[in-house]
C-alpha atoms as a PDB file:
ATOM      1  CA  UNK A   1     293.813 222.507  53.103  1.00  0.00           C
ATOM      2  CA  UNK A   2     295.145 225.300  50.884  1.00  0.00           C
ATOM      3  CA  UNK A   3     291.604 226.371  50.010  1.00  0.00           C
ATOM      4  CA  UNK A   4     290.577 226.188  53.659  1.00  0.00           C
ATOM      5  CA  UNK A   5     293.497 228.392  54.753  1.00  0.00           C
ATOM      6  CA  UNK A   6     292.696 230.850  51.966  1.00  0.00           C
ATOM      7  CA  UNK A   7     289.088 231.200  53.110  1.00  0.00           C
ATOM      8  CA  UNK A   8     290.139 231.306  56.758  1.00  0.00           C
ATOM      9  CA  UNK A   9     292.596 234.124  56.033  1.00  0.00           C
ATOM     10  CA  UNK A  10     289.886 235.982  54.109  1.00  0.00           C
ATOM     11  CA  UNK A  11     287.199 235.803  56.796  1.00  0.00           C
ATOM     12  CA  UNK A  12     288.693 235.199  60.249  1.00  0.00           C
ATOM     13  CA  UNK A  13     290.538 238.557  60.488  1.00  0.00           C
ATOM     14  CA  UNK A  14     287.149 240.232  59.946  1.00  0.00           C
ATOM     15  CA  UNK A  15     285.776 238.345  62.933  1.00  0.00           C
ATOM     16  CA  UNK A  16     288.833 239.279  65.016  1.00  0.00           C
ATOM     17  CA  UNK A  17     288.395 243.000  64.295  1.00  0.00           C
ATOM     18  CA  UNK A  18     284.737 242.707  65.378  1.00  0.00           C
ATOM     19  CA  UNK A  19     286.019 241.067  68.570  1.00  0.00           C
ATOM     20  CA  UNK A  20     288.437 243.979  69.117  1.00  0.00           C
ATOM     21  CA  UNK A  21     285.529 246.435  68.868  1.00  0.00           C
ATOM     22  CA  UNK A  22     283.528 244.402  71.389  1.00  0.00           C
ATOM     23  CA  UNK A  23     286.504 244.260  73.792  1.00  0.00           C
ATOM     24  CA  UNK A  24     287.123 248.009  73.566  1.00  0.00           C
ATOM     25  CA  UNK A  25     283.486 248.611  74.468  1.00  0.00           C
ATOM     26  CA  UNK A  26     283.792 246.274  77.476  1.00  0.00           C
ATOM     27  CA  UNK A  27     286.814 248.189  78.841  1.00  0.00           C
ATOM     28  CA  UNK A  28     284.932 251.480  78.255  1.00  0.00           C
ATOM     29  CA  UNK A  29     287.348 252.829  75.683  1.00  0.00           C
ATOM     30  CA  UNK A  30     284.377 253.053  73.297  1.00  0.00           C
ATOM     31  CA  UNK A  31     280.775 253.927  74.150  1.00  0.00           C
ATOM     32  CA  UNK A  32     277.313 254.083  72.599  1.00  0.00           C
ATOM     33  CA  UNK A  33     277.891 257.621  71.309  1.00  0.00           C
ATOM     34  CA  UNK A  34     280.915 256.385  69.357  1.00  0.00           C
ATOM     35  CA  UNK A  35     278.876 253.551  67.844  1.00  0.00           C
ATOM     36  CA  UNK A  36     276.092 255.906  66.761  1.00  0.00           C
ATOM     37  CA  UNK A  37     278.492 258.449  65.265  1.00  0.00           C
ATOM     38  CA  UNK A  38     280.670 255.812  63.576  1.00  0.00           C
ATOM     39  CA  UNK A  39     277.653 254.116  62.000  1.00  0.00           C
ATOM     40  CA  UNK A  40     276.364 257.406  60.616  1.00  0.00           C
ATOM     41  CA  UNK A  41     279.834 258.348  59.341  1.00  0.00           C
ATOM     42  CA  UNK A  42     280.251 254.961  57.673  1.00  0.00           C
ATOM     43  CA  UNK A  43     276.797 255.100  56.094  1.00  0.00           C
ATOM     44  CA  UNK A  44     277.212 258.584  54.638  1.00  0.00           C
ATOM     45  CA  UNK A  45     280.956 258.809  53.899  1.00  0.00           C
ATOM     46  CA  UNK A  46     283.275 255.799  54.052  1.00  0.00           C
ATOM     47  CA  UNK A  47     281.129 253.028  52.536  1.00  0.00           C
ATOM     48  CA  UNK A  48     280.033 255.241  49.608  1.00  0.00           C
ATOM     49  CA  UNK A  49     283.694 256.149  49.084  1.00  0.00           C
ATOM     50  CA  UNK A  50     284.648 252.455  48.987  1.00  0.00           C
ATOM     51  CA  UNK A  51     281.940 251.517  46.486  1.00  0.00           C
ATOM     52  CA  UNK A  52     282.668 254.558  44.318  1.00  0.00           C
ATOM     53  CA  UNK A  53     286.403 253.818  44.288  1.00  0.00           C
ATOM     54  CA  UNK A  54     285.966 250.177  43.275  1.00  0.00           C
ATOM     55  CA  UNK A  55     283.502 250.897  40.484  1.00  0.00           C
ATOM     56  CA  UNK A  56     285.297 253.983  39.180  1.00  0.00           C
ATOM     57  CA  UNK A  57     288.543 252.006  38.898  1.00  0.00           C
ATOM     58  CA  UNK A  58     286.891 249.127  37.020  1.00  0.00           C
ATOM     59  CA  UNK A  59     286.792 248.994  33.219  1.00  0.00           C
ATOM     60  CA  UNK A  60     283.050 248.438  33.012  1.00  0.00           C
ATOM     61  CA  UNK A  61     282.815 249.307  29.302  1.00  0.00           C
ATOM     62  CA  UNK A  62     285.509 246.832  28.223  1.00  0.00           C
ATOM     63  CA  UNK A  63     284.436 243.947  30.467  1.00  0.00           C
ATOM     64  CA  UNK A  64     280.660 244.397  30.203  1.00  0.00           C
ATOM     65  CA  UNK A  65     278.593 241.227  29.748  1.00  0.00           C
ATOM     66  CA  UNK A  66     274.903 242.090  29.703  1.00  0.00           C
ATOM     67  CA  UNK A  67     273.704 238.512  30.119  1.00  0.00           C
ATOM     68  CA  UNK A  68     275.844 237.966  33.207  1.00  0.00           C
ATOM     69  CA  UNK A  69     274.714 241.245  34.794  1.00  0.00           C
ATOM     70  CA  UNK A  70     271.064 240.329  34.136  1.00  0.00           C
ATOM     71  CA  UNK A  71     271.631 236.864  35.647  1.00  0.00           C
ATOM     72  CA  UNK A  72     273.095 238.406  38.822  1.00  0.00           C
ATOM     73  CA  UNK A  73     270.185 240.843  39.038  1.00  0.00           C
ATOM     74  CA  UNK A  74     267.648 238.045  38.446  1.00  0.00           C
ATOM     75  CA  UNK A  75     269.094 235.829  41.185  1.00  0.00           C
ATOM     76  CA  UNK A  76     269.246 238.752  43.619  1.00  0.00           C
ATOM     77  CA  UNK A  77     265.634 239.697  42.907  1.00  0.00           C
ATOM     78  CA  UNK A  78     264.274 236.155  43.236  1.00  0.00           C
ATOM     79  CA  UNK A  79     266.226 235.626  46.457  1.00  0.00           C
ATOM     80  CA  UNK A  80     264.972 238.849  48.017  1.00  0.00           C
ATOM     81  CA  UNK A  81     261.274 238.485  47.253  1.00  0.00           C
ATOM     82  CA  UNK A  82     261.227 234.779  48.142  1.00  0.00           C
ATOM     83  CA  UNK A  83     262.875 235.405  51.528  1.00  0.00           C
ATOM     84  CA  UNK A  84     260.651 238.423  52.222  1.00  0.00           C
ATOM     85  CA  UNK A  85     257.484 236.537  51.294  1.00  0.00           C
ATOM     86  CA  UNK A  86     258.347 233.521  53.449  1.00  0.00           C
ATOM     87  CA  UNK A  87     259.407 235.784  56.332  1.00  0.00           C
ATOM     88  CA  UNK A  88     256.094 237.652  56.307  1.00  0.00           C
ATOM     89  CA  UNK A  89     254.290 234.333  56.221  1.00  0.00           C
ATOM     90  CA  UNK A  90     256.244 232.494  58.913  1.00  0.00           C
ATOM     91  CA  UNK A  91     257.853 235.071  61.241  1.00  0.00           C
ATOM     92  CA  UNK A  92     255.387 236.215  63.904  1.00  0.00           C
ATOM     93  CA  UNK A  93     257.613 238.900  65.438  1.00  0.00           C
ATOM     94  CA  UNK A  94     257.130 241.810  63.035  1.00  0.00           C
ATOM     95  CA  UNK A  95     259.929 243.849  64.643  1.00  0.00           C
ATOM     96  CA  UNK A  96     262.570 241.408  63.344  1.00  0.00           C
ATOM     97  CA  UNK A  97     261.310 240.954  59.779  1.00  0.00           C
ATOM     98  CA  UNK A  98     263.147 243.798  58.052  1.00  0.00           C
ATOM     99  CA  UNK A  99     266.489 243.026  59.684  1.00  0.00           C
ATOM    100  CA  UNK A 100     266.119 239.291  59.033  1.00  0.00           C
ATOM    101  CA  UNK A 101     265.286 239.683  55.330  1.00  0.00           C
ATOM    102  CA  UNK A 102     268.099 242.139  54.668  1.00  0.00           C
ATOM    103  CA  UNK A 103     270.727 240.078  56.492  1.00  0.00           C
ATOM    104  CA  UNK A 104     269.578 236.790  54.922  1.00  0.00           C
ATOM    105  CA  UNK A 105     269.812 237.895  51.281  1.00  0.00           C
ATOM    106  CA  UNK A 106     272.523 240.572  51.203  1.00  0.00           C
ATOM    107  CA  UNK A 107     276.172 239.587  50.770  1.00  0.00           C
ATOM    108  CA  UNK A 108     279.468 241.349  51.288  1.00  0.00           C
ATOM    109  CA  UNK A 109     279.826 241.593  47.510  1.00  0.00           C
ATOM    110  CA  UNK A 110     281.621 244.921  47.145  1.00  0.00           C
ATOM    111  CA  UNK A 111     284.062 244.386  50.012  1.00  0.00           C
ATOM    112  CA  UNK A 112     284.843 240.679  49.524  1.00  0.00           C
ATOM    113  CA  UNK A 113     284.174 240.418  45.795  1.00  0.00           C
ATOM    114  CA  UNK A 114     287.311 242.156  44.584  1.00  0.00           C
ATOM    115  CA  UNK A 115     289.550 240.702  47.300  1.00  0.00           C
ATOM    116  CA  UNK A 116     288.334 237.133  46.838  1.00  0.00           C
ATOM    117  CA  UNK A 117     288.801 237.092  43.061  1.00  0.00           C
ATOM    118  CA  UNK A 118     292.176 238.865  43.304  1.00  0.00           C
ATOM    119  CA  UNK A 119     293.394 236.200  45.742  1.00  0.00           C
ATOM    120  CA  UNK A 120     292.566 233.451  43.232  1.00  0.00           C
ATOM    121  CA  UNK A 121     293.255 235.075  39.851  1.00  0.00           C
ATOM    122  CA  UNK A 122     295.559 238.016  40.675  1.00  0.00           C
ATOM    123  CA  UNK A 123     293.040 240.509  39.261  1.00  0.00           C
ATOM    124  CA  UNK A 124     289.333 241.236  39.620  1.00  0.00           C
ATOM    125  CA  UNK A 125     288.069 242.563  36.302  1.00  0.00           C
ATOM    126  CA  UNK A 126     284.784 240.647  36.359  1.00  0.00           C
ATOM    127  CA  UNK A 127     283.891 241.444  39.975  1.00  0.00           C
ATOM    128  CA  UNK A 128     282.605 244.811  38.772  1.00  0.00           C
ATOM    129  CA  UNK A 129     279.977 243.081  36.615  1.00  0.00           C
ATOM    130  CA  UNK A 130     278.620 241.155  39.585  1.00  0.00           C
ATOM    131  CA  UNK A 131     278.640 244.351  41.645  1.00  0.00           C
ATOM    132  CA  UNK A 132     276.725 246.283  38.975  1.00  0.00           C
ATOM    133  CA  UNK A 133     274.126 243.515  38.810  1.00  0.00           C
ATOM    134  CA  UNK A 134     273.702 243.091  42.564  1.00  0.00           C
ATOM    135  CA  UNK A 135     274.912 245.936  44.795  1.00  0.00           C
ATOM    136  CA  UNK A 136     272.406 248.543  43.516  1.00  0.00           C
ATOM    137  CA  UNK A 137     269.616 246.010  44.057  1.00  0.00           C
ATOM    138  CA  UNK A 138     271.028 245.023  47.457  1.00  0.00           C
ATOM    139  CA  UNK A 139     270.677 248.625  48.553  1.00  0.00           C
ATOM    140  CA  UNK A 140     267.340 249.336  46.852  1.00  0.00           C
ATOM    141  CA  UNK A 141     265.703 246.186  48.200  1.00  0.00           C
ATOM    142  CA  UNK A 142     267.206 246.800  51.646  1.00  0.00           C
ATOM    143  CA  UNK A 143     265.755 250.314  51.744  1.00  0.00           C
ATOM    144  CA  UNK A 144     262.361 248.952  50.681  1.00  0.00           C
ATOM    145  CA  UNK A 145     262.168 246.157  53.249  1.00  0.00           C
ATOM    146  CA  UNK A 146     263.599 248.278  56.085  1.00  0.00           C
ATOM    147  CA  UNK A 147     261.084 251.020  55.278  1.00  0.00           C
ATOM    148  CA  UNK A 148     258.047 248.736  55.013  1.00  0.00           C
ATOM    149  CA  UNK A 149     258.970 246.569  58.000  1.00  0.00           C
ATOM    150  CA  UNK A 150     260.492 249.321  60.142  1.00  0.00           C
ATOM    151  CA  UNK A 151     259.018 251.726  62.655  1.00  0.00           C
ATOM    152  CA  UNK A 152     257.348 255.019  61.823  1.00  0.00           C
ATOM    153  CA  UNK A 153     255.175 255.200  58.711  1.00  0.00           C
ATOM    154  CA  UNK A 154     251.951 253.182  58.990  1.00  0.00           C
ATOM    155  CA  UNK A 155     249.921 253.713  55.793  1.00  0.00           C
ATOM    156  CA  UNK A 156     250.908 252.027  52.517  1.00  0.00           C
ATOM    157  CA  UNK A 157     251.095 255.240  50.489  1.00  0.00           C
ATOM    158  CA  UNK A 158     253.310 256.764  53.137  1.00  0.00           C
ATOM    159  CA  UNK A 159     255.574 253.710  53.110  1.00  0.00           C
ATOM    160  CA  UNK A 160     255.906 253.792  49.328  1.00  0.00           C
ATOM    161  CA  UNK A 161     256.713 257.516  49.381  1.00  0.00           C
ATOM    162  CA  UNK A 162     259.211 257.031  52.208  1.00  0.00           C
ATOM    163  CA  UNK A 163     260.801 254.088  50.381  1.00  0.00           C
ATOM    164  CA  UNK A 164     261.259 256.082  47.160  1.00  0.00           C
ATOM    165  CA  UNK A 165     262.671 259.000  49.138  1.00  0.00           C
ATOM    166  CA  UNK A 166     265.105 256.753  51.016  1.00  0.00           C
ATOM    167  CA  UNK A 167     266.275 255.113  47.775  1.00  0.00           C
ATOM    168  CA  UNK A 168     266.868 258.473  46.073  1.00  0.00           C
ATOM    169  CA  UNK A 169     268.926 259.823  48.963  1.00  0.00           C
ATOM    170  CA  UNK A 170     270.748 256.603  49.905  1.00  0.00           C
ATOM    171  CA  UNK A 171     274.475 257.497  49.853  1.00  0.00           C
ATOM    172  CA  UNK A 172     275.592 254.030  48.707  1.00  0.00           C
ATOM    173  CA  UNK A 173     273.173 253.986  45.772  1.00  0.00           C
ATOM    174  CA  UNK A 174     274.333 257.475  44.763  1.00  0.00           C
ATOM    175  CA  UNK A 175     277.945 256.269  44.982  1.00  0.00           C
ATOM    176  CA  UNK A 176     277.140 253.285  42.738  1.00  0.00           C
ATOM    177  CA  UNK A 177     275.597 255.539  40.107  1.00  0.00           C
ATOM    178  CA  UNK A 178     278.505 257.981  40.290  1.00  0.00           C
ATOM    179  CA  UNK A 179     281.163 255.247  40.184  1.00  0.00           C
ATOM    180  CA  UNK A 180     279.545 253.505  37.214  1.00  0.00           C
ATOM    181  CA  UNK A 181     279.272 256.816  35.342  1.00  0.00           C
ATOM    182  CA  UNK A 182     282.938 257.629  35.994  1.00  0.00           C
ATOM    183  CA  UNK A 183     283.968 254.180  34.746  1.00  0.00           C
ATOM    184  CA  UNK A 184     281.829 254.379  31.599  1.00  0.00           C
ATOM    185  CA  UNK A 185     283.016 257.896  30.774  1.00  0.00           C
ATOM    186  CA  UNK A 186     286.612 256.921  31.644  1.00  0.00           C
ATOM    187  CA  UNK A 187     287.062 259.979  33.819  1.00  0.00           C
ATOM    188  CA  UNK A 188     290.432 260.179  35.550  1.00  0.00           C
ATOM    189  CA  UNK A 189     290.884 262.306  38.660  1.00  0.00           C
ATOM    190  CA  UNK A 190     294.074 264.071  39.793  1.00  0.00           C
ATOM    191  CA  UNK A 191     296.297 262.113  42.175  1.00  0.00           C
ATOM    192  CA  UNK A 192     295.291 264.237  45.170  1.00  0.00           C
ATOM    193  CA  UNK A 193     291.593 263.467  44.601  1.00  0.00           C
ATOM    194  CA  UNK A 194     292.278 259.752  44.147  1.00  0.00           C
ATOM    195  CA  UNK A 195     294.301 259.609  47.343  1.00  0.00           C
ATOM    196  CA  UNK A 196     291.600 261.428  49.304  1.00  0.00           C
ATOM    197  CA  UNK A 197     288.959 258.947  48.128  1.00  0.00           C
ATOM    198  CA  UNK A 198     291.362 256.076  48.822  1.00  0.00           C
ATOM    199  CA  UNK A 199     291.950 257.240  52.404  1.00  0.00           C
ATOM    200  CA  UNK A 200     288.216 257.459  53.078  1.00  0.00           C
ATOM    201  CA  UNK A 201     287.594 254.083  51.421  1.00  0.00           C
ATOM    202  CA  UNK A 202     290.356 252.445  53.467  1.00  0.00           C
ATOM    203  CA  UNK A 203     288.525 253.451  56.651  1.00  0.00           C
ATOM    204  CA  UNK A 204     285.234 251.832  55.643  1.00  0.00           C
ATOM    205  CA  UNK A 205     285.720 248.172  56.504  1.00  0.00           C
ATOM    206  CA  UNK A 206     287.808 248.427  59.719  1.00  0.00           C
ATOM    207  CA  UNK A 207     285.673 251.236  61.167  1.00  0.00           C
ATOM    208  CA  UNK A 208     282.460 249.397  60.299  1.00  0.00           C
ATOM    209  CA  UNK A 209     283.779 246.226  61.969  1.00  0.00           C
ATOM    210  CA  UNK A 210     284.918 248.084  65.097  1.00  0.00           C
ATOM    211  CA  UNK A 211     281.533 249.806  65.376  1.00  0.00           C
ATOM    212  CA  UNK A 212     279.767 246.490  64.798  1.00  0.00           C
ATOM    213  CA  UNK A 213     281.727 244.829  67.601  1.00  0.00           C
ATOM    214  CA  UNK A 214     281.279 247.790  69.949  1.00  0.00           C
ATOM    215  CA  UNK A 215     277.546 247.836  69.271  1.00  0.00           C
ATOM    216  CA  UNK A 216     277.101 244.070  69.608  1.00  0.00           C
ATOM    217  CA  UNK A 217     274.393 243.357  72.198  1.00  0.00           C
ATOM    218  CA  UNK A 218     275.245 239.958  73.621  1.00  0.00           C
ATOM    219  CA  UNK A 219     272.078 239.314  75.633  1.00  0.00           C
ATOM    220  CA  UNK A 220     269.836 240.610  72.851  1.00  0.00           C
ATOM    221  CA  UNK A 221     271.707 238.474  70.311  1.00  0.00           C
ATOM    222  CA  UNK A 222     271.284 235.324  72.428  1.00  0.00           C
ATOM    223  CA  UNK A 223     267.570 236.041  72.624  1.00  0.00           C
ATOM    224  CA  UNK A 224     267.540 236.039  68.815  1.00  0.00           C
ATOM    225  CA  UNK A 225     269.628 232.909  68.305  1.00  0.00           C
ATOM    226  CA  UNK A 226     266.970 230.993  66.326  1.00  0.00           C
ATOM    227  CA  UNK A 227     266.447 233.643  63.596  1.00  0.00           C
ATOM    228  CA  UNK A 228     270.221 234.203  63.576  1.00  0.00           C
ATOM    229  CA  UNK A 229     270.946 230.538  62.834  1.00  0.00           C
ATOM    230  CA  UNK A 230     268.179 230.399  60.235  1.00  0.00           C
ATOM    231  CA  UNK A 231     269.429 233.521  58.456  1.00  0.00           C
ATOM    232  CA  UNK A 232     272.989 232.140  58.444  1.00  0.00           C
ATOM    233  CA  UNK A 233     271.754 228.886  56.901  1.00  0.00           C
ATOM    234  CA  UNK A 234     269.869 230.777  54.195  1.00  0.00           C
ATOM    235  CA  UNK A 235     272.795 233.080  53.473  1.00  0.00           C
ATOM    236  CA  UNK A 236     275.644 230.589  53.462  1.00  0.00           C
ATOM    237  CA  UNK A 237     274.047 227.289  52.413  1.00  0.00           C
ATOM    238  CA  UNK A 238     270.584 227.499  50.883  1.00  0.00           C
ATOM    239  CA  UNK A 239     271.133 230.341  48.390  1.00  0.00           C
ATOM    240  CA  UNK A 240     274.347 228.803  46.933  1.00  0.00           C
ATOM    241  CA  UNK A 241     272.734 225.349  46.916  1.00  0.00           C
ATOM    242  CA  UNK A 242     269.783 226.633  44.882  1.00  0.00           C
ATOM    243  CA  UNK A 243     271.469 229.018  42.443  1.00  0.00           C
ATOM    244  CA  UNK A 244     275.021 227.715  41.818  1.00  0.00           C
ATOM    245  CA  UNK A 245     273.709 224.697  39.853  1.00  0.00           C
ATOM    246  CA  UNK A 246     271.741 227.173  37.719  1.00  0.00           C
ATOM    247  CA  UNK A 247     274.940 229.154  37.141  1.00  0.00           C
ATOM    248  CA  UNK A 248     276.695 225.948  36.052  1.00  0.00           C
ATOM    249  CA  UNK A 249     273.829 225.256  33.644  1.00  0.00           C
ATOM    250  CA  UNK A 250     274.244 228.789  32.236  1.00  0.00           C
ATOM    251  CA  UNK A 251     277.906 228.023  31.514  1.00  0.00           C
ATOM    252  CA  UNK A 252     279.576 230.427  33.939  1.00  0.00           C
ATOM    253  CA  UNK A 253     283.112 229.400  34.915  1.00  0.00           C
ATOM    254  CA  UNK A 254     286.340 230.963  36.201  1.00  0.00           C
ATOM    255  CA  UNK A 255     286.136 234.487  37.567  1.00  0.00           C
ATOM    256  CA  UNK A 256     282.411 234.675  36.860  1.00  0.00           C
ATOM    257  CA  UNK A 257     281.764 231.578  38.946  1.00  0.00           C
ATOM    258  CA  UNK A 258     283.917 232.869  41.809  1.00  0.00           C
ATOM    259  CA  UNK A 259     282.036 236.183  41.732  1.00  0.00           C
ATOM    260  CA  UNK A 260     278.755 234.262  41.960  1.00  0.00           C
ATOM    261  CA  UNK A 261     280.054 232.257  44.919  1.00  0.00           C
ATOM    262  CA  UNK A 262     280.832 235.568  46.635  1.00  0.00           C
ATOM    263  CA  UNK A 263     277.443 237.006  45.667  1.00  0.00           C
ATOM    264  CA  UNK A 264     275.522 234.012  47.011  1.00  0.00           C
ATOM    265  CA  UNK A 265     277.634 232.583  49.812  1.00  0.00           C
ATOM    266  CA  UNK A 266     279.746 235.315  51.402  1.00  0.00           C
ATOM    267  CA  UNK A 267     278.981 236.659  54.899  1.00  0.00           C
ATOM    268  CA  UNK A 268     276.308 239.257  55.485  1.00  0.00           C
ATOM    269  CA  UNK A 269     277.844 242.679  54.858  1.00  0.00           C
ATOM    270  CA  UNK A 270     278.448 245.027  57.791  1.00  0.00           C
ATOM    271  CA  UNK A 271     276.537 247.758  55.952  1.00  0.00           C
ATOM    272  CA  UNK A 272     273.377 245.772  56.795  1.00  0.00           C
ATOM    273  CA  UNK A 273     273.954 246.622  60.444  1.00  0.00           C
ATOM    274  CA  UNK A 274     274.610 250.270  59.636  1.00  0.00           C
ATOM    275  CA  UNK A 275     271.449 250.576  57.512  1.00  0.00           C
ATOM    276  CA  UNK A 276     269.311 248.699  60.029  1.00  0.00           C
ATOM    277  CA  UNK A 277     270.415 250.991  62.860  1.00  0.00           C
ATOM    278  CA  UNK A 278     269.969 254.135  60.773  1.00  0.00           C
ATOM    279  CA  UNK A 279     266.500 253.073  59.583  1.00  0.00           C
ATOM    280  CA  UNK A 280     265.140 252.057  63.014  1.00  0.00           C
ATOM    281  CA  UNK A 281     265.171 248.289  62.529  1.00  0.00           C
ATOM    282  CA  UNK A 282     266.542 245.472  64.697  1.00  0.00           C
ATOM    283  CA  UNK A 283     270.266 246.206  64.983  1.00  0.00           C
ATOM    284  CA  UNK A 284     270.847 243.471  67.555  1.00  0.00           C
ATOM    285  CA  UNK A 285     269.565 240.753  65.221  1.00  0.00           C
ATOM    286  CA  UNK A 286     271.521 242.182  62.293  1.00  0.00           C
ATOM    287  CA  UNK A 287     274.794 242.321  64.216  1.00  0.00           C
ATOM    288  CA  UNK A 288     274.236 238.771  65.457  1.00  0.00           C
ATOM    289  CA  UNK A 289     273.740 237.508  61.881  1.00  0.00           C
ATOM    290  CA  UNK A 290     276.797 239.404  60.618  1.00  0.00           C
ATOM    291  CA  UNK A 291     278.988 237.903  63.348  1.00  0.00           C
ATOM    292  CA  UNK A 292     277.712 234.347  62.843  1.00  0.00           C
ATOM    293  CA  UNK A 293     277.941 234.404  59.030  1.00  0.00           C
ATOM    294  CA  UNK A 294     281.432 235.895  59.232  1.00  0.00           C
ATOM    295  CA  UNK A 295     282.560 233.148  61.606  1.00  0.00           C
ATOM    296  CA  UNK A 296     281.021 230.285  59.593  1.00  0.00           C
ATOM    297  CA  UNK A 297     281.925 231.570  56.127  1.00  0.00           C
ATOM    298  CA  UNK A 298     285.496 230.269  56.359  1.00  0.00           C
ATOM    299  CA  UNK A 299     284.022 226.758  56.306  1.00  0.00           C
ATOM    300  CA  UNK A 300     281.123 227.237  53.879  1.00  0.00           C
ATOM    301  CA  UNK A 301     283.056 229.340  51.342  1.00  0.00           C
ATOM    302  CA  UNK A 302     285.823 226.767  51.409  1.00  0.00           C
ATOM    303  CA  UNK A 303     283.239 224.074  50.712  1.00  0.00           C
ATOM    304  CA  UNK A 304     281.747 225.890  47.698  1.00  0.00           C
ATOM    305  CA  UNK A 305     285.184 226.750  46.292  1.00  0.00           C
ATOM    306  CA  UNK A 306     286.276 223.121  46.714  1.00  0.00           C
ATOM    307  CA  UNK A 307     283.141 221.789  44.990  1.00  0.00           C
ATOM    308  CA  UNK A 308     283.503 224.132  42.015  1.00  0.00           C
ATOM    309  CA  UNK A 309     287.244 223.564  41.748  1.00  0.00           C
ATOM    310  CA  UNK A 310     286.843 219.774  41.860  1.00  0.00           C
ATOM    311  CA  UNK A 311     284.418 220.082  38.953  1.00  0.00           C
ATOM    312  CA  UNK A 312     286.936 222.137  36.948  1.00  0.00           C
ATOM    313  CA  UNK A 313     284.720 225.230  37.014  1.00  0.00           C
ATOM    314  CA  UNK A 314     287.289 227.526  38.657  1.00  0.00           C
END
């Protein structure tokens, strides 16, 4: 029960803030222009600030474990290409492929990773290792699949060029590189700079959730209920079921195991919705998957934490 309440307290408030955004749209306090502007602002300013802040504050040099980072990157890569390959093979509606793949493999690692481990251990030193191994790849692979499966460029060479261009100018990827460099070089900013970054970072999650709720298309989401349920199953059940036993075999316990649970089994991150909308992919499907995985994660995360704790691994 304690573990269930912990997971419920970690995930249900996120769902409630999404619900607030949806309600404000229904009473016409928010409109489509707000959603468009908020998504662009989040994509270019607040989410990069959040990722940069978390990585810059971490002691990457002291806590670095190359094998663990490679393991996280390996699992992320296998998950992405397997899901993409099966989606191209089995999903007939090409317009949904990019959004489905991104939402099915990409977790809320940066946002939930630190908070989840801090709630259990009181600190989150090793969350940065998981983030280094996964978040850059989350963003790179997302740009690739959203470019290749999205609207616009038709020829393969054009898609490759567009993909490389989108990766190089992706604000979140640039923030990851900058944050990692600041951590490695142990650069310390003046208090006024830190507070400015902190203020922007603090806006990221609530504003993204409000915009997600306000932009939620109920009828369109219902029409996409089957891919939504399937993506939620992949994200919350299948990926942890496949890769957590491998992590146990590799000997990962404690904070490292909790970080892997977050990496594999946490809800789909709200930045998926922002990227999908900004890159002309299916925003309705993405928002539907984010909402469903957020709602169900209180149960599934509790289950994975309970299993690992009962085995003495956390």
